Amino acid sequence: MLAFSALVAGLMFGLGLIVSDMADPAKVLGFLDLAGRWDPSLAFVMGGAVAIGSIAFAVARGRSASLLGAPMSWPTLNRIDRPLIIGSALFGIGWGLAGFCPGPALVAASSGQPKAWLFVLAMLAGMALHSLVTRRRLASA
């Protein structure tokens, strides 16, 4: 049941990305173009997501299990550190250059956009590199 729920949630998220046009890199790049033809529509999508997410997290914080009975798991690290800053900067640079972040890139790749496939491959390579570096760092410590 958990896997089915995850599938349904992922499909709903992907549909939301399509309906809001967030799988179109031109829409994202238009939002990031503050000095040119700025498109504020992404700000409204983000604002709506933050509002709904804030309510959902407030409700979830008071629970020990999900609605389907899975245990709630919260991050233990709650400080801003160098890896977080570097990762955020790399994410922002990639988002600004390509107009994709992971979710919309997967939606766009599933519709056959070559630029999205290139982004997804680069994202997977970056994840593999991060995993390799982290394992080596932990092994040498």
Protein backbone atom coordinates (compact mmCIF):
# COMPACT_ATOMS: atom_id res chain seq x y z
CA MET A 1 0.00 0.00 0.00
CA LEU A 2 2.90 2.38 0.73
CA ALA A 3 4.36 1.85 -2.75
CA PHE A 4 0.97 2.45 -4.37
CA SER A 5 0.48 5.62 -2.33
CA ALA A 6 3.94 6.84 -3.36
CA LEU A 7 3.09 6.14 -7.01
CA VAL A 8 -0.19 8.07 -6.77
CA ALA A 9 1.53 10.99 -4.98
CA GLY A 10 4.28 11.06 -7.61
CA LEU A 11 1.77 11.02 -10.45
CA MET A 12 -0.19 13.86 -8.83
CA PHE A 13 3.02 15.85 -8.35
CA GLY A 14 4.01 15.26 -11.98
CA LEU A 15 0.55 16.28 -13.17
CA GLY A 16 0.81 19.45 -11.07
CA LEU A 17 4.14 20.24 -12.72
CA ILE A 18 2.60 19.78 -16.15
CA VAL A 19 -0.53 21.83 -15.37
CA SER A 20 1.52 24.67 -13.84
CA ASP A 21 3.93 24.53 -16.83
CA MET A 22 6.90 24.03 -14.49
CA ALA A 23 8.28 21.21 -16.68
CA ASP A 24 9.00 23.89 -19.31
CA PRO A 25 12.51 25.25 -18.74
CA ALA A 26 11.59 28.49 -20.53
CA LYS A 27 9.02 29.18 -17.77
CA VAL A 28 11.63 28.69 -15.05
CA LEU A 29 14.27 30.74 -16.85
CA GLY A 30 11.67 33.50 -17.33
CA PHE A 31 11.18 33.55 -13.57
CA LEU A 32 14.93 33.80 -12.98
CA ASP A 33 15.35 36.62 -15.52
CA LEU A 34 14.87 39.51 -13.09
CA ALA A 35 16.55 42.06 -15.36
CA GLY A 36 14.65 41.06 -18.51
CA ARG A 37 11.15 39.77 -19.20
CA TRP A 38 10.45 38.49 -15.69
CA ASP A 39 7.61 35.96 -15.38
CA PRO A 40 6.30 35.93 -11.77
CA SER A 41 4.01 32.90 -12.23
CA LEU A 42 6.54 30.51 -10.65
CA ALA A 43 6.47 32.63 -7.49
CA PHE A 44 2.73 31.93 -7.18
CA VAL A 45 3.29 28.19 -7.68
CA MET A 46 6.05 28.23 -5.07
CA GLY A 47 3.97 30.31 -2.66
CA GLY A 48 1.07 27.87 -2.93
CA ALA A 49 3.39 24.91 -2.39
CA VAL A 50 5.02 26.53 0.65
CA ALA A 51 1.63 27.38 2.18
CA ILE A 52 0.25 23.86 1.73
CA GLY A 53 3.55 22.27 2.80
CA SER A 54 3.73 24.40 5.93
CA ILE A 55 0.30 23.23 7.02
CA ALA A 56 1.10 19.60 6.19
CA PHE A 57 4.40 19.71 8.13
CA ALA A 58 2.72 21.36 11.12
CA VAL A 59 0.16 18.54 11.24
CA ALA A 60 2.78 15.83 10.60
CA ARG A 61 5.12 17.08 13.36
CA GLY A 62 2.55 16.04 15.94
CA ARG A 63 2.33 12.48 14.63
CA SER A 64 4.52 9.44 15.29
CA ALA A 65 3.24 7.52 12.24
CA SER A 66 1.95 8.43 8.79
CA LEU A 67 -1.68 7.96 7.77
CA LEU A 68 -0.69 4.55 6.37
CA GLY A 69 1.15 3.54 9.54
CA ALA A 70 4.75 4.12 8.42
CA PRO A 71 6.98 5.64 11.11
CA MET A 72 7.67 9.38 10.81
CA SER A 73 11.34 10.08 10.22
CA TRP A 74 12.70 13.60 10.65
CA PRO A 75 16.20 14.89 9.84
CA THR A 76 18.59 14.93 12.77
CA LEU A 77 20.92 17.61 11.38
CA ASN A 78 19.36 21.05 11.81
CA ARG A 79 22.22 23.46 11.23
CA ILE A 80 23.54 25.21 8.15
CA ASP A 81 26.92 23.73 7.26
CA ARG A 82 29.37 23.88 4.37
CA PRO A 83 27.98 20.86 2.46
CA LEU A 84 24.49 22.38 2.61
CA ILE A 85 25.72 25.72 1.27
CA ILE A 86 27.79 24.10 -1.50
CA GLY A 87 24.95 21.78 -2.47
CA SER A 88 22.45 24.64 -2.52
CA ALA A 89 24.75 26.73 -4.68
CA LEU A 90 25.29 23.88 -7.14
CA PHE A 91 21.55 23.24 -7.25
CA GLY A 92 20.86 26.92 -7.97
CA ILE A 93 23.53 27.13 -10.65
CA GLY A 94 22.20 24.01 -12.38
CA TRP A 95 18.62 25.28 -12.10
CA GLY A 96 19.59 28.64 -13.58
CA LEU A 97 21.63 27.18 -16.43
CA ALA A 98 19.24 24.43 -17.48
CA GLY A 99 15.86 25.65 -16.25
CA PHE A 100 15.25 22.26 -14.64
CA CYS A 101 15.28 20.89 -11.13
CA PRO A 102 14.94 17.13 -10.52
CA GLY A 103 11.14 16.74 -10.48
CA PRO A 104 10.35 18.79 -13.58
CA ALA A 105 13.35 17.26 -15.37
CA LEU A 106 11.92 13.76 -14.88
CA VAL A 107 8.51 14.92 -16.11
CA ALA A 108 10.06 16.59 -19.16
CA ALA A 109 12.29 13.56 -19.86
CA SER A 110 9.25 11.29 -19.79
CA SER A 111 7.75 13.44 -22.54
CA GLY A 112 10.90 12.94 -24.62
CA GLN A 113 12.64 16.31 -24.29
CA PRO A 114 16.34 15.73 -25.19
CA LYS A 115 17.53 18.62 -22.99
CA ALA A 116 15.75 17.02 -20.03
CA TRP A 117 17.38 13.64 -20.69
CA LEU A 118 20.78 15.35 -20.74
CA PHE A 119 19.96 17.06 -17.44
CA VAL A 120 18.79 13.78 -15.85
CA LEU A 121 21.97 11.99 -16.97
CA ALA A 122 24.11 14.82 -15.57
CA MET A 123 22.10 14.73 -12.34
CA LEU A 124 22.61 10.97 -11.98
CA ALA A 125 26.34 11.38 -12.67
CA GLY A 126 26.52 14.07 -9.98
CA MET A 127 24.70 11.83 -7.51
CA ALA A 128 27.09 8.95 -8.27
CA LEU A 129 30.11 11.24 -7.87
CA HIS A 130 28.79 12.53 -4.54
CA SER A 131 28.23 8.97 -3.33
CA LEU A 132 31.75 7.95 -4.38
CA VAL A 133 33.39 10.96 -2.70
CA THR A 134 31.34 10.47 0.48
CA ARG A 135 32.23 6.75 0.70
CA ARG A 136 35.93 7.51 0.19
CA ARG A 137 35.83 10.28 2.77
CA LEU A 138 34.17 7.99 5.33
CA ALA A 139 36.57 5.13 4.55
CA SER A 140 39.61 7.34 5.14
CA ALA A 141 38.28 8.82 8.38
